[in-house]
Amino acid sequence: MSLRGRLVLAVAGVALAALVASGLATYSALHAFLYSRVDQSLQQTAASLPHPGSSGLPAGGPPPRATAAGAMAEKEPPPAVRTDAPGVSVEVRNQKGTVIEAFPGYQQGGQSYLPELPATIDGFSRTSASVPPEAYFTTASTTAGGPRMRVLAVEEPNGDTLVLGVPLAGTETTLDHLVLIELVVAAAALAAAALLGLWLVRLGLRPLADVEDTAERIAAGVLDERVPGENDRTEVGRLARTVNVMLSRIQQAFAQRDATEAALRASEERLRRFVADASHELRTPLAAVSAYAELFDRGASEHPDDLRRVMTGIQGEASRMGRLVEDLFLLARLDEGRPLERQPVDLTALAAEAVQTATAVGPAWPVSLAAERPVEVIGDEARLRQVVDNLLANVRAHTPAGTPVVVSVSAVPTPTGPDEAVIEVADRGPGVGEGAARIFERFYRADPSRSRGGTGLGLAIVAAIVAAHTGRVAATDRPGGGTVVTVRLPLVPTEAPRPAGH
């Protein structure tokens, strides 16, 4: 059986038990109330009748006359009985249990009834000293098909027993009507409870159907689906919330897996491209060395001028390959995440040294420094110096001689997080144009015709070193011409303690 069917059956069972209990309680209460009223009526009638032996009721007289059929002869009740006990059967017995006199009770329509009494009446009880002993019981009537009768037996002071009986037809009819009404009401209430319970169960279990539908859509590949109706007030609502949390975590796991796979694919693609670019870069100097070696074999060694040119070429190409290998080795170390030195570095002093070196190396490119005060960061001084050197070397490689360069160092606040140290290298060259977004890629050259024999890894090394220092680097064109490369690094907090010796 389904959960819905079991819940409806449980609701119907509880309703049926409640209706049966309520019906029994109502029937018992009304039964006790009606019988109590009948008993009170008989008690009042017994109190109003004269005692046996007084005027109106016989006492110890001859037994009643019998008919030929042996039945008790019906006699006209005395005036006291007719007046004080209308419709009540009256019987008097002496101390030996012999019936002295009996008067039937009459119902509507003139039908008379006498209770079917035992030969000896027992079970008398006294409720108080002022009330004579009495006994109540219910019995059938002597007439076939007659109503049941309620009987009161009262023991009189002279030893005789006064027995009063009243038909219970009206009382039992009322109780029968009550039973019929209770059955009809119980059936209607049970049907209503079953229908209402079915509606409530279907309404309450609707989120479970939503869970099933959502699970089917998720199984079909729609991972963004969520179960509606989550709340903290119902069990099904809490279940929906728990399922949604589980689905979110599953989606996050799938997203992480996809991101990891995408990162692996991208890394593999970068590696293939890197190897291809490195192979391409190494091919040129290797071909040049091979050509020089061939010239040497063809007799350049016998001519001093040719020998000097061959050896100079081989030395230059070997130096170029050495620089390329060193750059590749550095990038490999940075990609592996090997730790760098961590110590306070004054970027202002570092930039001043780099500017001085650049002026000596490329005097055709005037370089100036703009800095107001020392600016400290935590990092590797040698690698940060390489950043500035590579940026200045990039200017010399891609701008014509005479292009002015300005290196500025400053500290700027940020809305959130620590303040930043900013290094800017600005020139008045031709700019980078659309290549600004790619100039930090490995082996990328915006205009190979303007390159002066570089490896194409200088700015890639800059980006890798800055990233290793949790910084950022970007290149933009200057208004009016030129390029600005901006490096941003976390600034040393003013309250941070400096290591000993600095």
Protein backbone atom coordinates (compact mmCIF):
# COMPACT_ATOMS: atom_id res chain seq x y z
CA MET A 1 0.00 0.00 0.00
CA SER A 2 1.23 3.48 -0.82
CA LEU A 3 2.16 6.01 1.82
CA ARG A 4 -0.85 8.11 0.83
CA GLY A 5 -3.19 5.13 1.30
CA ARG A 6 -1.68 4.26 4.68
CA LEU A 7 -2.04 7.84 5.89
CA VAL A 8 -5.68 8.07 4.75
CA LEU A 9 -6.41 4.71 6.38
CA ALA A 10 -4.80 5.91 9.60
CA VAL A 11 -6.85 9.13 9.55
CA ALA A 12 -10.03 7.15 8.92
CA GLY A 13 -9.16 4.70 11.71
CA VAL A 14 -8.55 7.50 14.20
CA ALA A 15 -11.79 9.21 13.17
CA LEU A 16 -13.72 5.94 13.51
CA ALA A 17 -12.29 5.26 16.96
CA ALA A 18 -13.15 8.82 18.04
CA LEU A 19 -16.69 8.51 16.68
CA VAL A 20 -17.27 5.13 18.35
CA ALA A 21 -15.96 6.41 21.67
CA SER A 22 -18.05 9.55 21.40
CA GLY A 23 -21.15 7.56 20.45
CA LEU A 24 -20.72 5.12 23.33
CA ALA A 25 -20.18 7.95 25.78
CA THR A 26 -23.26 9.81 24.50
CA TYR A 27 -25.40 6.67 24.55
CA SER A 28 -24.26 5.75 28.05
CA ALA A 29 -24.87 9.26 29.35
CA LEU A 30 -28.35 9.49 27.82
CA HIS A 31 -29.20 5.93 28.96
CA ALA A 32 -28.20 6.75 32.51
CA PHE A 33 -30.05 10.07 32.38
CA LEU A 34 -33.32 8.61 31.02
CA TYR A 35 -33.29 5.66 33.41
CA SER A 36 -32.54 8.01 36.28
CA ARG A 37 -35.60 10.07 35.34
CA VAL A 38 -37.74 6.91 35.20
CA ASP A 39 -36.40 5.82 38.60
CA GLN A 40 -37.12 9.24 40.07
CA SER A 41 -40.65 9.12 38.65
CA LEU A 42 -41.23 5.68 40.19
CA GLN A 43 -39.81 6.88 43.50
CA GLN A 44 -42.11 9.89 43.53
CA THR A 45 -45.08 7.69 42.64
CA ALA A 46 -44.24 5.26 45.43
CA ALA A 47 -44.03 8.14 47.91
CA SER A 48 -47.39 9.54 46.81
CA LEU A 49 -49.31 6.26 47.13
CA PRO A 50 -50.88 5.28 50.50
CA HIS A 51 -49.19 2.45 52.32
CA PRO A 52 -50.73 -0.99 52.09
CA GLY A 53 -53.38 -1.37 54.72
CA SER A 54 -54.46 2.27 54.54
CA SER A 55 -57.44 3.37 52.56
CA GLY A 56 -57.08 2.68 48.90
CA LEU A 57 -54.58 -0.28 48.96
CA PRO A 58 -55.17 -3.76 50.36
CA ALA A 59 -53.00 -5.19 53.16
CA GLY A 60 -52.81 -8.89 53.89
CA GLY A 61 -56.25 -9.58 52.39
CA PRO A 62 -57.25 -12.62 50.38
CA PRO A 63 -55.31 -13.40 47.25
CA PRO A 64 -56.51 -11.95 43.98
CA ARG A 65 -59.10 -13.77 42.00
CA ALA A 66 -57.92 -15.90 39.08
CA THR A 67 -59.63 -16.43 35.79
CA ALA A 68 -60.31 -19.75 34.19
CA ALA A 69 -57.12 -19.42 32.19
CA GLY A 70 -55.14 -18.97 35.41
CA ALA A 71 -54.24 -15.38 34.68
CA MET A 72 -54.60 -12.62 37.22
CA ALA A 73 -57.98 -11.04 36.92
CA GLU A 74 -57.82 -7.41 35.95
CA LYS A 75 -59.67 -5.21 38.39
CA GLU A 76 -60.40 -1.57 38.29
CA PRO A 77 -57.58 0.24 40.19
CA PRO A 78 -58.68 2.09 43.32
CA PRO A 79 -58.94 5.89 43.14
CA ALA A 80 -55.53 6.41 44.78
CA VAL A 81 -53.82 4.39 42.07
CA ARG A 82 -55.76 6.05 39.28
CA THR A 83 -54.91 9.50 40.63
CA ASP A 84 -51.30 9.16 41.83
CA ALA A 85 -49.96 6.42 39.50
CA PRO A 86 -51.48 6.85 36.06
CA GLY A 87 -49.98 4.34 33.58
CA VAL A 88 -48.00 2.62 36.36
CA SER A 89 -48.58 -1.04 37.26
CA VAL A 90 -49.02 -1.61 40.97
CA GLU A 91 -48.58 -4.88 42.81
CA VAL A 92 -48.68 -5.65 46.53
CA ARG A 93 -47.06 -8.72 48.11
CA ASN A 94 -47.15 -9.90 51.66
CA GLN A 95 -44.21 -11.04 53.68
CA LYS A 96 -44.50 -14.56 52.26
CA GLY A 97 -44.16 -13.22 48.72
CA THR A 98 -47.79 -13.90 47.89
CA VAL A 99 -49.37 -11.40 45.53
CA ILE A 100 -52.18 -9.71 47.35
CA GLU A 101 -53.32 -7.41 44.60
CA ALA A 102 -52.08 -6.35 41.14
CA PHE A 103 -53.22 -3.47 38.94
CA PRO A 104 -51.80 -3.25 35.36
CA GLY A 105 -50.38 -0.11 33.87
CA TYR A 106 -51.99 1.33 30.75
CA GLN A 107 -50.28 2.76 27.71
CA GLN A 108 -51.65 5.02 25.04
CA GLY A 109 -54.28 3.09 23.14
CA GLY A 110 -55.63 1.28 26.19
CA GLN A 111 -53.12 -1.58 26.18
CA SER A 112 -52.36 -2.82 29.71
CA TYR A 113 -49.08 -4.33 30.92
CA LEU A 114 -47.78 -6.05 34.02
CA PRO A 115 -44.03 -6.66 34.65
CA GLU A 116 -42.78 -10.24 34.66
CA LEU A 117 -41.60 -10.51 38.25
CA PRO A 118 -39.64 -13.23 40.03
CA ALA A 119 -41.21 -15.20 42.86
CA THR A 120 -38.90 -13.55 45.37
CA ILE A 121 -37.63 -10.01 45.13
CA ASP A 122 -34.19 -9.44 46.65
CA GLY A 123 -31.54 -6.75 46.53
CA PHE A 124 -33.21 -4.13 48.72
CA SER A 125 -31.02 -1.24 49.77
CA ARG A 126 -31.59 1.76 51.99
CA THR A 127 -30.32 5.16 50.77
CA SER A 128 -31.13 6.92 54.07
CA ALA A 129 -32.86 6.29 57.39
CA SER A 130 -35.94 8.22 56.28
CA VAL A 131 -36.39 6.23 53.04
CA PRO A 132 -37.68 2.64 53.18
CA PRO A 133 -35.54 -0.11 51.56
CA GLU A 134 -36.00 -0.22 47.79
CA ALA A 135 -34.73 -2.12 44.73
CA TYR A 136 -34.65 -1.18 40.99
CA PHE A 137 -34.43 -3.59 38.08
CA THR A 138 -35.55 -3.95 34.47
CA THR A 139 -37.62 -6.86 33.24
CA ALA A 140 -39.93 -7.91 30.43
CA SER A 141 -43.69 -7.55 30.48
CA THR A 142 -46.05 -10.47 30.89
CA THR A 143 -47.69 -9.71 27.56
CA ALA A 144 -46.00 -11.28 24.55
CA GLY A 145 -44.33 -8.59 22.46
CA GLY A 146 -44.86 -6.04 25.17
CA PRO A 147 -42.33 -3.41 26.14
CA ARG A 148 -39.62 -3.84 28.68
CA MET A 149 -40.51 -2.37 32.06
CA ARG A 150 -38.66 -0.57 34.81
CA VAL A 151 -39.59 -1.87 38.26
CA LEU A 152 -39.31 -0.36 41.73
CA ALA A 153 -39.86 -2.60 44.75
CA VAL A 154 -40.34 -0.85 48.09
CA GLU A 155 -40.42 -2.72 51.43
CA GLU A 156 -43.13 -1.17 53.58
CA PRO A 157 -42.97 -0.89 57.39
CA ASN A 158 -45.62 -3.66 57.86
CA GLY A 159 -43.45 -6.13 55.91
CA ASP A 160 -45.46 -6.00 52.68
CA THR A 161 -43.77 -5.11 49.39
CA LEU A 162 -45.07 -2.47 47.02
CA VAL A 163 -43.98 -3.13 43.42
CA LEU A 164 -44.35 -0.40 40.78
CA GLY A 165 -43.61 -0.89 37.07
CA VAL A 166 -43.59 1.50 34.13
CA PRO A 167 -43.12 0.62 30.44
CA LEU A 168 -39.83 1.75 28.85
CA ALA A 169 -41.18 1.99 25.34
CA GLY A 170 -40.63 5.76 25.10
CA THR A 171 -37.21 5.59 26.70
CA GLU A 172 -35.99 2.76 24.49
CA THR A 173 -37.44 4.46 21.41
CA THR A 174 -35.42 7.55 22.28
CA LEU A 175 -32.29 5.45 22.73
CA ASP A 176 -32.92 3.62 19.46
CA HIS A 177 -33.31 6.95 17.66
CA LEU A 178 -30.06 8.09 19.23
CA VAL A 179 -28.27 4.97 17.97
CA LEU A 180 -29.66 5.52 14.47
CA ILE A 181 -28.63 9.18 14.48
CA GLU A 182 -25.17 8.28 15.75
CA LEU A 183 -24.74 5.69 13.00
CA VAL A 184 -25.77 8.17 10.29
CA VAL A 185 -23.63 10.94 11.73
CA ALA A 186 -20.68 8.57 12.21
CA ALA A 187 -20.93 7.36 8.61
CA ALA A 188 -21.12 10.93 7.26
CA ALA A 189 -18.32 12.11 9.54
CA LEU A 190 -16.17 9.11 8.60
CA ALA A 191 -16.69 9.78 4.89
CA ALA A 192 -15.93 13.48 5.39
CA ALA A 193 -12.83 12.65 7.43
CA ALA A 194 -11.63 10.23 4.76
CA LEU A 195 -12.17 12.78 1.96
CA LEU A 196 -10.64 15.61 3.96
CA GLY A 197 -7.76 13.39 5.04
CA LEU A 198 -7.15 12.36 1.42
CA TRP A 199 -7.09 16.02 0.35
CA LEU A 200 -4.79 17.03 3.20
CA VAL A 201 -2.47 14.07 2.60
CA ARG A 202 -2.26 14.86 -1.11
CA LEU A 203 -1.61 18.51 -0.28
CA GLY A 204 1.00 17.63 2.34
CA LEU A 205 2.75 15.08 0.12
CA ARG A 206 2.78 17.31 -2.95
CA PRO A 207 6.39 18.41 -2.19
CA LEU A 208 7.40 14.74 -2.35
CA ALA A 209 6.03 14.62 -5.89
CA ASP A 210 8.02 17.79 -6.59
CA VAL A 211 11.12 16.05 -5.21
CA GLU A 212 10.47 13.14 -7.57
CA ASP A 213 9.99 15.46 -10.58
CA THR A 214 13.09 17.46 -9.66
CA ALA A 215 15.15 14.29 -9.29
CA GLU A 216 14.03 13.15 -12.75
CA ARG A 217 15.00 16.50 -14.31
CA ILE A 218 18.37 16.44 -12.53
CA ALA A 219 18.92 12.87 -13.76
CA ALA A 220 18.28 14.23 -17.26
CA GLY A 221 21.18 16.67 -16.74
CA VAL A 222 19.47 19.86 -15.48
CA LEU A 223 21.62 20.41 -12.38
CA ASP A 224 20.17 23.87 -11.62
CA GLU A 225 16.79 22.43 -10.61
CA ARG A 226 15.74 22.80 -6.97
CA VAL A 227 12.83 21.43 -4.94
CA PRO A 228 10.20 24.10 -4.17
CA GLY A 229 8.44 24.59 -0.84
CA GLU A 230 11.35 24.46 1.60
CA ASN A 231 10.56 25.82 5.07
CA ASP A 232 11.21 25.01 8.74
CA ARG A 233 7.59 24.48 9.78
CA THR A 234 6.86 21.09 8.20
CA GLU A 235 8.75 17.84 7.88
CA VAL A 236 8.35 17.83 4.10
CA GLY A 237 9.57 21.45 3.97
CA ARG A 238 12.66 20.53 5.97
CA LEU A 239 13.17 17.53 3.68
CA ALA A 240 12.98 19.85 0.65
CA ARG A 241 15.56 22.16 2.23
CA THR A 242 17.88 19.23 2.97
CA VAL A 243 17.50 17.90 -0.56
CA ASN A 244 18.26 21.36 -1.98
CA VAL A 245 21.41 21.61 0.16
CA MET A 246 22.45 18.18 -1.08
CA LEU A 247 21.75 19.18 -4.70
CA SER A 248 23.76 22.39 -4.29
CA ARG A 249 26.73 20.44 -2.96
CA ILE A 250 26.44 17.89 -5.76
CA GLN A 251 26.30 20.72 -8.31
CA GLN A 252 29.34 22.35 -6.70
CA ALA A 253 31.18 19.04 -6.85
CA PHE A 254 30.33 18.66 -10.53
CA ALA A 255 31.30 22.27 -11.17
CA GLN A 256 34.61 21.76 -9.40
CA ARG A 257 35.21 18.60 -11.36
CA ASP A 258 34.41 20.38 -14.62
CA ALA A 259 36.59 23.33 -13.61
CA THR A 260 39.43 20.98 -12.72
CA GLU A 261 39.07 19.15 -16.01
CA ALA A 262 38.93 22.45 -17.88
CA ALA A 263 41.99 23.70 -15.99
CA LEU A 264 43.83 20.48 -16.81
CA ARG A 265 42.87 20.76 -20.45
CA ALA A 266 43.93 24.42 -20.50
CA SER A 267 47.16 23.57 -18.70
CA GLU A 268 47.83 20.78 -21.17
CA GLU A 269 47.08 23.12 -24.05
CA ARG A 270 49.39 25.78 -22.58
CA LEU A 271 52.08 23.18 -22.10
CA ARG A 272 51.80 22.02 -25.70
CA ARG A 273 51.86 25.61 -26.92
CA PHE A 274 54.73 26.41 -24.59
CA VAL A 275 56.76 23.46 -25.83
CA ALA A 276 55.96 24.36 -29.42
CA ASP A 277 56.92 28.00 -28.88
CA ALA A 278 60.10 27.05 -27.00
CA SER A 279 61.01 24.63 -29.78
CA HIS A 280 60.41 27.37 -32.32
CA GLU A 281 62.51 29.86 -30.36
CA LEU A 282 65.37 27.37 -29.97
CA ARG A 283 65.24 26.36 -33.61
CA THR A 284 66.55 29.72 -34.83
CA PRO A 285 69.75 29.88 -32.71
CA LEU A 286 70.39 26.20 -33.27
CA ALA A 287 70.07 26.71 -37.03
CA ALA A 288 72.41 29.69 -36.82
CA VAL A 289 74.98 27.70 -34.85
CA SER A 290 74.68 24.88 -37.38
CA ALA A 291 75.23 27.36 -40.24
CA TYR A 292 78.28 28.84 -38.56
CA ALA A 293 79.65 25.36 -37.99
CA GLU A 294 79.15 24.56 -41.67
CA LEU A 295 81.02 27.75 -42.65
CA PHE A 296 83.84 26.68 -40.35
CA ASP A 297 84.01 23.28 -42.08
CA ARG A 298 84.09 24.96 -45.50
CA GLY A 299 87.33 26.79 -44.72
CA ALA A 300 86.41 29.73 -42.51
CA SER A 301 89.03 28.49 -40.06
CA GLU A 302 91.78 29.33 -42.62
CA HIS A 303 90.74 32.98 -42.89
CA PRO A 304 91.08 35.02 -39.70
CA ASP A 305 88.29 37.44 -40.56
CA ASP A 306 85.82 34.66 -41.36
CA LEU A 307 86.88 32.73 -38.27
CA ARG A 308 86.31 35.74 -36.02
CA ARG A 309 82.85 36.28 -37.57
CA VAL A 310 81.94 32.62 -37.15
CA MET A 311 83.02 32.45 -33.52
CA THR A 312 81.28 35.72 -32.67
CA GLY A 313 78.05 34.44 -34.21
CA ILE A 314 78.28 31.13 -32.39
CA GLN A 315 78.91 32.96 -29.10
CA GLY A 316 75.93 35.29 -29.66
CA GLU A 317 73.55 32.47 -30.50
CA ALA A 318 74.79 30.46 -27.54
CA SER A 319 74.14 33.44 -25.26
CA ARG A 320 70.68 33.80 -26.73
CA MET A 321 69.93 30.13 -26.09
CA GLY A 322 71.31 30.46 -22.57
CA ARG A 323 69.01 33.39 -21.81
CA LEU A 324 66.05 31.49 -23.25
CA VAL A 325 66.80 28.42 -21.15
CA GLU A 326 67.21 30.52 -18.02
CA ASP A 327 63.87 32.25 -18.66
CA LEU A 328 62.16 28.90 -19.24
CA PHE A 329 63.69 27.53 -16.06
CA LEU A 330 62.50 30.54 -14.08
CA LEU A 331 58.96 30.23 -15.45
CA ALA A 332 58.96 26.52 -14.63
CA ARG A 333 59.97 27.27 -11.04
CA LEU A 334 57.25 29.90 -10.71
CA ASP A 335 54.65 27.56 -12.22
CA GLU A 336 55.59 24.92 -9.66
CA GLY A 337 54.87 27.43 -6.90
CA ARG A 338 58.31 27.21 -5.35
CA PRO A 339 58.59 29.64 -2.44
CA LEU A 340 60.32 32.97 -2.97
CA GLU A 341 62.26 34.91 -0.42
CA ARG A 342 60.02 36.93 1.90
CA GLN A 343 61.60 40.09 3.33
CA PRO A 344 60.86 43.82 3.33
CA VAL A 345 61.84 45.46 0.05
CA ASP A 346 62.00 49.22 -0.56
CA LEU A 347 60.54 49.61 -4.04
CA THR A 348 61.73 53.22 -4.32
CA ALA A 349 65.37 52.26 -3.81
CA LEU A 350 64.95 49.21 -6.04
CA ALA A 351 63.46 51.30 -8.86
CA ALA A 352 66.26 53.88 -8.52
CA GLU A 353 68.89 51.17 -9.01
CA ALA A 354 67.00 49.76 -12.00
CA VAL A 355 66.73 53.24 -13.59
CA GLN A 356 70.47 53.81 -13.11
CA THR A 357 71.26 50.44 -14.73
CA ALA A 358 68.86 51.08 -17.63
CA THR A 359 70.50 54.46 -18.28
CA ALA A 360 73.88 52.77 -18.49
CA VAL A 361 72.64 49.88 -20.67
CA GLY A 362 70.49 51.95 -23.05
CA PRO A 363 71.53 55.59 -22.91
CA ALA A 364 69.46 56.28 -26.04
CA TRP A 365 66.30 55.88 -23.97
CA PRO A 366 66.18 58.57 -21.27
CA VAL A 367 64.72 57.13 -18.04
CA SER A 368 63.52 59.20 -15.05
CA LEU A 369 62.21 58.22 -11.59
CA ALA A 370 59.18 59.74 -9.86
CA ALA A 371 58.83 58.80 -6.17
CA GLU A 372 58.05 60.90 -3.11
CA ARG A 373 58.91 58.52 -0.28
CA PRO A 374 60.04 54.96 0.42
CA VAL A 375 57.42 52.30 -0.32
CA GLU A 376 57.90 48.88 1.27
CA VAL A 377 56.48 45.48 0.33
CA ILE A 378 57.24 41.93 1.49
CA GLY A 379 58.83 39.89 -1.28
CA ASP A 380 61.87 38.63 -3.15
CA GLU A 381 64.11 41.62 -3.88
CA ALA A 382 65.96 39.96 -6.77
CA ARG A 383 62.72 38.93 -8.52
CA LEU A 384 61.09 42.32 -7.99
CA ARG A 385 64.20 43.96 -9.45
CA GLN A 386 63.85 41.61 -12.42
CA VAL A 387 60.28 42.90 -12.90
CA VAL A 388 61.47 46.50 -13.29
CA ASP A 389 64.46 45.47 -15.43
CA ASN A 390 62.26 43.44 -17.77
CA LEU A 391 59.75 46.29 -18.15
CA LEU A 392 62.55 48.73 -19.04
CA ALA A 393 64.11 46.16 -21.38
CA ASN A 394 60.71 45.74 -23.06
CA VAL A 395 60.61 49.50 -23.68
CA ARG A 396 64.08 49.41 -25.30
CA ALA A 397 63.05 46.41 -27.40
CA HIS A 398 59.80 47.82 -28.77
CA THR A 399 60.22 51.61 -28.93
CA PRO A 400 62.50 53.71 -31.09
CA ALA A 401 65.64 55.27 -29.64
CA GLY A 402 65.03 58.59 -27.90
CA THR A 403 61.69 57.47 -26.40
CA PRO A 404 61.47 58.91 -22.85
CA VAL A 405 60.50 56.57 -20.02
CA VAL A 406 59.19 57.47 -16.56
CA VAL A 407 59.26 54.97 -13.66
CA SER A 408 57.01 56.03 -10.78
CA VAL A 409 56.57 54.38 -7.34
CA SER A 410 53.70 55.25 -4.99
CA ALA A 411 51.38 53.89 -2.31
CA VAL A 412 47.63 54.11 -2.85
CA PRO A 413 44.75 53.22 -0.49
CA THR A 414 42.11 50.65 -1.48
CA PRO A 415 38.42 50.57 -0.48
CA THR A 416 38.82 47.03 0.88
CA GLY A 417 41.89 45.14 2.00
CA PRO A 418 45.42 46.42 2.55
CA ASP A 419 46.83 49.45 0.75
CA GLU A 420 48.78 48.80 -2.43
CA ALA A 421 52.23 49.70 -3.72
CA VAL A 422 52.10 50.78 -7.37
CA ILE A 423 54.97 50.72 -9.88
CA GLU A 424 54.28 52.36 -13.24
CA VAL A 425 56.56 52.27 -16.29
CA ALA A 426 55.28 54.78 -18.84
CA ASP A 427 56.78 55.51 -22.23
CA ARG A 428 55.94 57.70 -25.22
CA GLY A 429 56.33 54.97 -27.79
CA PRO A 430 53.82 53.67 -30.36
CA GLY A 431 51.68 51.86 -27.74
CA VAL A 432 50.39 48.27 -27.75
CA GLY A 433 46.89 48.79 -29.15
CA GLU A 434 44.78 45.64 -29.27
CA GLY A 435 47.68 43.53 -27.99
CA ALA A 436 47.40 44.95 -24.46
CA ALA A 437 45.38 41.93 -23.33
CA ARG A 438 47.98 39.43 -24.62
CA ILE A 439 51.38 41.00 -24.11
CA PHE A 440 51.90 39.01 -20.90
CA GLU A 441 51.47 35.69 -22.72
CA ARG A 442 54.54 33.60 -23.27
CA PHE A 443 56.30 34.07 -26.63
CA TYR A 444 53.75 36.68 -27.68
CA ARG A 445 55.00 39.54 -29.87
CA ALA A 446 52.63 42.30 -30.86
CA ASP A 447 54.89 43.38 -33.75
CA PRO A 448 57.82 41.05 -34.44
CA SER A 449 59.34 43.68 -36.72
CA ARG A 450 59.98 45.96 -33.71
CA SER A 451 61.49 43.23 -31.54
CA ARG A 452 65.25 43.42 -31.04
CA GLY A 453 66.14 39.77 -30.58
CA GLY A 454 64.17 39.12 -27.38
CA THR A 455 62.82 35.73 -26.37
CA GLY A 456 59.22 36.85 -25.95
CA LEU A 457 59.26 35.78 -22.28
CA GLY A 458 60.16 39.05 -20.55
CA LEU A 459 56.62 40.22 -19.81
CA ALA A 460 55.48 36.65 -19.13
CA ILE A 461 58.14 36.49 -16.42
CA VAL A 462 56.91 39.84 -15.08
CA ALA A 463 53.34 38.51 -14.82
CA ALA A 464 54.49 35.27 -13.15
CA ILE A 465 56.65 37.07 -10.55
CA VAL A 466 53.89 39.59 -9.73
CA ALA A 467 51.34 36.76 -9.37
CA ALA A 468 53.73 34.92 -7.03
CA HIS A 469 53.69 38.08 -4.86
CA THR A 470 49.82 38.08 -4.90
CA GLY A 471 49.87 41.21 -7.06
CA ARG A 472 48.41 42.32 -10.39
CA VAL A 473 49.89 43.71 -13.59
CA ALA A 474 48.19 45.39 -16.53
CA ALA A 475 49.14 47.37 -19.65
CA THR A 476 47.20 50.24 -21.21
CA ASP A 477 47.78 52.83 -23.89
CA ARG A 478 48.47 56.39 -22.77
CA PRO A 479 46.36 59.25 -24.12
CA GLY A 480 48.45 60.93 -26.80
CA GLY A 481 50.55 57.82 -27.44
CA GLY A 482 52.67 55.45 -25.44
CA THR A 483 52.18 52.57 -23.03
CA VAL A 484 51.74 52.38 -19.27
CA VAL A 485 52.47 49.11 -17.49
CA THR A 486 51.11 49.12 -13.91
CA VAL A 487 52.23 46.68 -11.22
CA ARG A 488 50.23 46.52 -7.97
CA LEU A 489 51.56 44.74 -4.88
CA PRO A 490 50.22 44.48 -1.28
CA LEU A 491 51.79 47.19 0.86
CA VAL A 492 53.48 46.35 4.17
CA PRO A 493 51.12 47.35 7.05
CA THR A 494 52.57 50.20 9.10
CA GLU A 495 52.19 48.23 12.34
CA ALA A 496 53.95 45.11 11.02
CA PRO A 497 57.24 44.49 12.88
CA ARG A 498 60.37 44.59 10.70
CA PRO A 499 62.80 41.68 10.88
CA ALA A 500 66.08 42.24 12.69
CA GLY A 501 68.77 43.78 10.53
CA HIS A 502 66.39 45.82 8.30
